[in-house]
Amino acid sequence: MEHQSIEQIIYEETEKRLAVMEEKDYEFPEKIGKGDVIAIAVSIAVSMLLVVLCMTGGIV
């Protein structure tokens, strides 16, 4: 079994994905909206709060 380097695997996968994106009928995803930004910010805030609580012994 031949082993490829991670660099070669990434290069090949990038080429495949670029070829798909260059097709005429490719639909790009919609841009994120205000709700998405809020959801991301809330997720980050909750994660940070949980980390702080773990560090201070609030969660065992």
PDB file of N, CA and C in Angstrom:
ATOM      1  N   MET A   1       0.841  -1.180   0.000  1.00  0.00           N
ATOM      2  CA  MET A   1       0.000   0.000   0.000  1.00  0.00           C
ATOM      3  C   MET A   1       0.891   1.251   0.000  1.00  0.00           C
ATOM      4  N   GLU A   2       0.643   2.122  -0.935  1.00  0.00           N
ATOM      5  CA  GLU A   2       1.464   3.320  -1.059  1.00  0.00           C
ATOM      6  C   GLU A   2       0.931   4.417  -0.137  1.00  0.00           C
ATOM      7  N   HIS A   3       1.835   5.043   0.597  1.00  0.00           N
ATOM      8  CA  HIS A   3       1.439   6.114   1.506  1.00  0.00           C
ATOM      9  C   HIS A   3       1.703   7.459   0.844  1.00  0.00           C
ATOM     10  N   GLN A   4       0.695   8.340   0.898  1.00  0.00           N
ATOM     11  CA  GLN A   4       0.854   9.688   0.366  1.00  0.00           C
ATOM     12  C   GLN A   4       1.124  10.633   1.525  1.00  0.00           C
ATOM     13  N   SER A   5       1.831  11.684   1.225  1.00  0.00           N
ATOM     14  CA  SER A   5       2.054  12.687   2.260  1.00  0.00           C
ATOM     15  C   SER A   5       0.769  13.487   2.429  1.00  0.00           C
ATOM     16  N   ILE A   6       0.607  14.056   3.600  1.00  0.00           N
ATOM     17  CA  ILE A   6      -0.589  14.866   3.877  1.00  0.00           C
ATOM     18  C   ILE A   6      -0.658  16.047   2.917  1.00  0.00           C
ATOM     19  N   GLU A   7       0.506  16.570   2.549  1.00  0.00           N
ATOM     20  CA  GLU A   7       0.547  17.693   1.609  1.00  0.00           C
ATOM     21  C   GLU A   7      -0.035  17.290   0.256  1.00  0.00           C
ATOM     22  N   GLN A   8       0.302  16.111  -0.216  1.00  0.00           N
ATOM     23  CA  GLN A   8      -0.201  15.625  -1.502  1.00  0.00           C
ATOM     24  C   GLN A   8      -1.704  15.376  -1.436  1.00  0.00           C
ATOM     25  N   ILE A   9      -2.175  14.818  -0.335  1.00  0.00           N
ATOM     26  CA  ILE A   9      -3.608  14.554  -0.162  1.00  0.00           C
ATOM     27  C   ILE A   9      -4.384  15.867  -0.172  1.00  0.00           C
ATOM     28  N   ILE A  10      -3.883  16.873   0.543  1.00  0.00           N
ATOM     29  CA  ILE A  10      -4.548  18.172   0.587  1.00  0.00           C
ATOM     30  C   ILE A  10      -4.556  18.812  -0.792  1.00  0.00           C
ATOM     31  N   TYR A  11      -3.450  18.725  -1.511  1.00  0.00           N
ATOM     32  CA  TYR A  11      -3.360  19.298  -2.853  1.00  0.00           C
ATOM     33  C   TYR A  11      -4.385  18.656  -3.789  1.00  0.00           C
ATOM     34  N   GLU A  12      -4.491  17.332  -3.756  1.00  0.00           N
ATOM     35  CA  GLU A  12      -5.435  16.626  -4.619  1.00  0.00           C
ATOM     36  C   GLU A  12      -6.876  16.982  -4.275  1.00  0.00           C
ATOM     37  N   GLU A  13      -7.198  17.041  -2.990  1.00  0.00           N
ATOM     38  CA  GLU A  13      -8.559  17.372  -2.573  1.00  0.00           C
ATOM     39  C   GLU A  13      -8.904  18.808  -2.961  1.00  0.00           C
ATOM     40  N   THR A  14      -7.953  19.714  -2.837  1.00  0.00           N
ATOM     41  CA  THR A  14      -8.178  21.107  -3.226  1.00  0.00           C
ATOM     42  C   THR A  14      -8.470  21.206  -4.715  1.00  0.00           C
ATOM     43  N   GLU A  15      -7.729  20.471  -5.514  1.00  0.00           N
ATOM     44  CA  GLU A  15      -7.957  20.464  -6.967  1.00  0.00           C
ATOM     45  C   GLU A  15      -9.358  19.959  -7.296  1.00  0.00           C
ATOM     46  N   LYS A  16      -9.795  18.892  -6.622  1.00  0.00           N
ATOM     47  CA  LYS A  16     -11.133  18.337  -6.859  1.00  0.00           C
ATOM     48  C   LYS A  16     -12.210  19.369  -6.523  1.00  0.00           C
ATOM     49  N   ARG A  17     -12.067  20.009  -5.375  1.00  0.00           N
ATOM     50  CA  ARG A  17     -13.087  20.964  -4.931  1.00  0.00           C
ATOM     51  C   ARG A  17     -13.118  22.206  -5.808  1.00  0.00           C
ATOM     52  N   LEU A  18     -11.955  22.669  -6.251  1.00  0.00           N
ATOM     53  CA  LEU A  18     -11.920  23.815  -7.153  1.00  0.00           C
ATOM     54  C   LEU A  18     -12.584  23.487  -8.490  1.00  0.00           C
ATOM     55  N   ALA A  19     -12.386  22.266  -8.964  1.00  0.00           N
ATOM     56  CA  ALA A  19     -13.016  21.852 -10.223  1.00  0.00           C
ATOM     57  C   ALA A  19     -14.533  21.870 -10.090  1.00  0.00           C
ATOM     58  N   VAL A  20     -15.048  21.425  -8.955  1.00  0.00           N
ATOM     59  CA  VAL A  20     -16.496  21.446  -8.726  1.00  0.00           C
ATOM     60  C   VAL A  20     -17.004  22.885  -8.677  1.00  0.00           C
ATOM     61  N   MET A  21     -16.267  23.764  -8.002  1.00  0.00           N
ATOM     62  CA  MET A  21     -16.703  25.159  -7.859  1.00  0.00           C
ATOM     63  C   MET A  21     -16.632  25.927  -9.177  1.00  0.00           C
ATOM     64  N   GLU A  22     -15.815  25.477 -10.107  1.00  0.00           N
ATOM     65  CA  GLU A  22     -15.687  26.170 -11.380  1.00  0.00           C
ATOM     66  C   GLU A  22     -16.782  25.793 -12.372  1.00  0.00           C
ATOM     67  N   GLU A  23     -17.604  24.796 -12.044  1.00  0.00           N
ATOM     68  CA  GLU A  23     -18.689  24.400 -12.931  1.00  0.00           C
ATOM     69  C   GLU A  23     -19.726  25.516 -13.019  1.00  0.00           C
ATOM     70  N   LYS A  24     -20.361  25.652 -14.186  1.00  0.00           N
ATOM     71  CA  LYS A  24     -21.313  26.741 -14.415  1.00  0.00           C
ATOM     72  C   LYS A  24     -22.545  26.646 -13.529  1.00  0.00           C
ATOM     73  N   ASP A  25     -22.986  25.434 -13.199  1.00  0.00           N
ATOM     74  CA  ASP A  25     -24.209  25.273 -12.415  1.00  0.00           C
ATOM     75  C   ASP A  25     -23.963  25.202 -10.906  1.00  0.00           C
ATOM     76  N   TYR A  26     -22.748  25.514 -10.467  1.00  0.00           N
ATOM     77  CA  TYR A  26     -22.431  25.479  -9.033  1.00  0.00           C
ATOM     78  C   TYR A  26     -23.123  26.637  -8.334  1.00  0.00           C
ATOM     79  N   GLU A  27     -23.834  26.332  -7.242  1.00  0.00           N
ATOM     80  CA  GLU A  27     -24.502  27.366  -6.444  1.00  0.00           C
ATOM     81  C   GLU A  27     -23.683  27.630  -5.182  1.00  0.00           C
ATOM     82  N   PHE A  28     -23.221  28.850  -5.055  1.00  0.00           N
ATOM     83  CA  PHE A  28     -22.482  29.214  -3.850  1.00  0.00           C
ATOM     84  C   PHE A  28     -23.457  29.340  -2.686  1.00  0.00           C
ATOM     85  N   PRO A  29     -23.029  28.987  -1.476  1.00  0.00           N
ATOM     86  CA  PRO A  29     -23.918  29.116  -0.311  1.00  0.00           C
ATOM     87  C   PRO A  29     -24.217  30.588  -0.017  1.00  0.00           C
ATOM     88  N   GLU A  30     -25.354  30.798   0.631  1.00  0.00           N
ATOM     89  CA  GLU A  30     -25.733  32.160   1.009  1.00  0.00           C
ATOM     90  C   GLU A  30     -24.768  32.696   2.063  1.00  0.00           C
ATOM     91  N   LYS A  31     -24.631  34.017   2.084  1.00  0.00           N
ATOM     92  CA  LYS A  31     -23.799  34.641   3.115  1.00  0.00           C
ATOM     93  C   LYS A  31     -24.499  34.509   4.460  1.00  0.00           C
ATOM     94  N   ILE A  32     -23.691  34.536   5.525  1.00  0.00           N
ATOM     95  CA  ILE A  32     -24.289  34.415   6.853  1.00  0.00           C
ATOM     96  C   ILE A  32     -25.070  35.682   7.174  1.00  0.00           C
ATOM     97  N   GLY A  33     -26.118  35.507   7.942  1.00  0.00           N
ATOM     98  CA  GLY A  33     -26.977  36.634   8.297  1.00  0.00           C
ATOM     99  C   GLY A  33     -26.762  37.064   9.736  1.00  0.00           C
ATOM    100  N   LYS A  34     -27.595  38.003  10.144  1.00  0.00           N
ATOM    101  CA  LYS A  34     -27.498  38.550  11.500  1.00  0.00           C
ATOM    102  C   LYS A  34     -27.745  37.461  12.550  1.00  0.00           C
ATOM    103  N   GLY A  35     -28.705  36.576  12.277  1.00  0.00           N
ATOM    104  CA  GLY A  35     -29.006  35.492  13.210  1.00  0.00           C
ATOM    105  C   GLY A  35     -27.836  34.539  13.375  1.00  0.00           C
ATOM    106  N   ASP A  36     -27.131  34.274  12.273  1.00  0.00           N
ATOM    107  CA  ASP A  36     -25.957  33.398  12.340  1.00  0.00           C
ATOM    108  C   ASP A  36     -24.862  34.021  13.188  1.00  0.00           C
ATOM    109  N   VAL A  37     -24.644  35.306  13.007  1.00  0.00           N
ATOM    110  CA  VAL A  37     -23.615  36.014  13.779  1.00  0.00           C
ATOM    111  C   VAL A  37     -23.963  35.987  15.265  1.00  0.00           C
ATOM    112  N   ILE A  38     -25.227  36.196  15.577  1.00  0.00           N
ATOM    113  CA  ILE A  38     -25.663  36.166  16.982  1.00  0.00           C
ATOM    114  C   ILE A  38     -25.467  34.775  17.565  1.00  0.00           C
ATOM    115  N   ALA A  39     -25.830  33.739  16.807  1.00  0.00           N
ATOM    116  CA  ALA A  39     -25.678  32.361  17.282  1.00  0.00           C
ATOM    117  C   ALA A  39     -24.205  32.036  17.532  1.00  0.00           C
ATOM    118  N   ILE A  40     -23.328  32.470  16.659  1.00  0.00           N
ATOM    119  CA  ILE A  40     -21.892  32.228  16.835  1.00  0.00           C
ATOM    120  C   ILE A  40     -21.383  32.940  18.085  1.00  0.00           C
ATOM    121  N   ALA A  41     -21.786  34.199  18.258  1.00  0.00           N
ATOM    122  CA  ALA A  41     -21.344  34.978  19.425  1.00  0.00           C
ATOM    123  C   ALA A  41     -21.839  34.347  20.728  1.00  0.00           C
ATOM    124  N   VAL A  42     -23.081  33.894  20.741  1.00  0.00           N
ATOM    125  CA  VAL A  42     -23.631  33.260  21.946  1.00  0.00           C
ATOM    126  C   VAL A  42     -22.895  31.956  22.237  1.00  0.00           C
ATOM    127  N   SER A  43     -22.604  31.184  21.199  1.00  0.00           N
ATOM    128  CA  SER A  43     -21.867  29.930  21.386  1.00  0.00           C
ATOM    129  C   SER A  43     -20.493  30.177  21.984  1.00  0.00           C
ATOM    130  N   ILE A  44     -19.812  31.188  21.486  1.00  0.00           N
ATOM    131  CA  ILE A  44     -18.488  31.530  22.017  1.00  0.00           C
ATOM    132  C   ILE A  44     -18.595  31.970  23.469  1.00  0.00           C
ATOM    133  N   ALA A  45     -19.582  32.806  23.780  1.00  0.00           N
ATOM    134  CA  ALA A  45     -19.753  33.305  25.147  1.00  0.00           C
ATOM    135  C   ALA A  45     -20.048  32.160  26.118  1.00  0.00           C
ATOM    136  N   VAL A  46     -20.926  31.246  25.723  1.00  0.00           N
ATOM    137  CA  VAL A  46     -21.268  30.117  26.588  1.00  0.00           C
ATOM    138  C   VAL A  46     -20.038  29.232  26.791  1.00  0.00           C
ATOM    139  N   SER A  47     -19.291  28.987  25.737  1.00  0.00           N
ATOM    140  CA  SER A  47     -18.085  28.164  25.852  1.00  0.00           C
ATOM    141  C   SER A  47     -17.074  28.802  26.799  1.00  0.00           C
ATOM    142  N   MET A  48     -16.879  30.108  26.665  1.00  0.00           N
ATOM    143  CA  MET A  48     -15.943  30.806  27.550  1.00  0.00           C
ATOM    144  C   MET A  48     -16.418  30.747  28.994  1.00  0.00           C
ATOM    145  N   LEU A  49     -17.704  30.907  29.211  1.00  0.00           N
ATOM    146  CA  LEU A  49     -18.256  30.836  30.568  1.00  0.00           C
ATOM    147  C   LEU A  49     -18.024  29.453  31.165  1.00  0.00           C
ATOM    148  N   LEU A  50     -18.243  28.410  30.383  1.00  0.00           N
ATOM    149  CA  LEU A  50     -18.021  27.054  30.884  1.00  0.00           C
ATOM    150  C   LEU A  50     -16.553  26.801  31.205  1.00  0.00           C
ATOM    151  N   VAL A  51     -15.657  27.318  30.393  1.00  0.00           N
ATOM    152  CA  VAL A  51     -14.221  27.163  30.664  1.00  0.00           C
ATOM    153  C   VAL A  51     -13.858  27.861  31.968  1.00  0.00           C
ATOM    154  N   VAL A  52     -14.341  29.071  32.151  1.00  0.00           N
ATOM    155  CA  VAL A  52     -14.053  29.817  33.380  1.00  0.00           C
ATOM    156  C   VAL A  52     -14.619  29.087  34.593  1.00  0.00           C
ATOM    157  N   LEU A  53     -15.842  28.572  34.481  1.00  0.00           N
ATOM    158  CA  LEU A  53     -16.433  27.848  35.607  1.00  0.00           C
ATOM    159  C   LEU A  53     -15.639  26.586  35.938  1.00  0.00           C
ATOM    160  N   CYS A  54     -15.144  25.901  34.924  1.00  0.00           N
ATOM    161  CA  CYS A  54     -14.318  24.713  35.175  1.00  0.00           C
ATOM    162  C   CYS A  54     -13.014  25.089  35.855  1.00  0.00           C
ATOM    163  N   MET A  55     -12.417  26.190  35.417  1.00  0.00           N
ATOM    164  CA  MET A  55     -11.130  26.618  35.991  1.00  0.00           C
ATOM    165  C   MET A  55     -11.264  27.080  37.423  1.00  0.00           C
ATOM    166  N   THR A  56     -12.391  27.657  37.781  1.00  0.00           N
ATOM    167  CA  THR A  56     -12.577  28.189  39.134  1.00  0.00           C
ATOM    168  C   THR A  56     -13.217  27.184  40.088  1.00  0.00           C
ATOM    169  N   GLY A  57     -13.565  26.009  39.565  1.00  0.00           N
ATOM    170  CA  GLY A  57     -14.160  24.991  40.419  1.00  0.00           C
ATOM    171  C   GLY A  57     -15.674  25.081  40.497  1.00  0.00           C
ATOM    172  N   GLY A  58     -16.276  25.904  39.700  1.00  0.00           N
ATOM    173  CA  GLY A  58     -17.736  26.035  39.680  1.00  0.00           C
ATOM    174  C   GLY A  58     -18.389  24.794  39.103  1.00  0.00           C
ATOM    175  N   ILE A  59     -17.685  24.109  38.245  1.00  0.00           N
ATOM    176  CA  ILE A  59     -18.164  22.844  37.668  1.00  0.00           C
ATOM    177  C   ILE A  59     -17.094  21.793  37.958  1.00  0.00           C
ATOM    178  N   VAL A  60     -17.536  20.711  38.553  1.00  0.00           N
ATOM    179  CA  VAL A  60     -16.579  19.652  38.909  1.00  0.00           C
ATOM    180  C   VAL A  60     -16.774  18.451  38.037  1.00  0.00           C
TER     181      VAL A  60
END
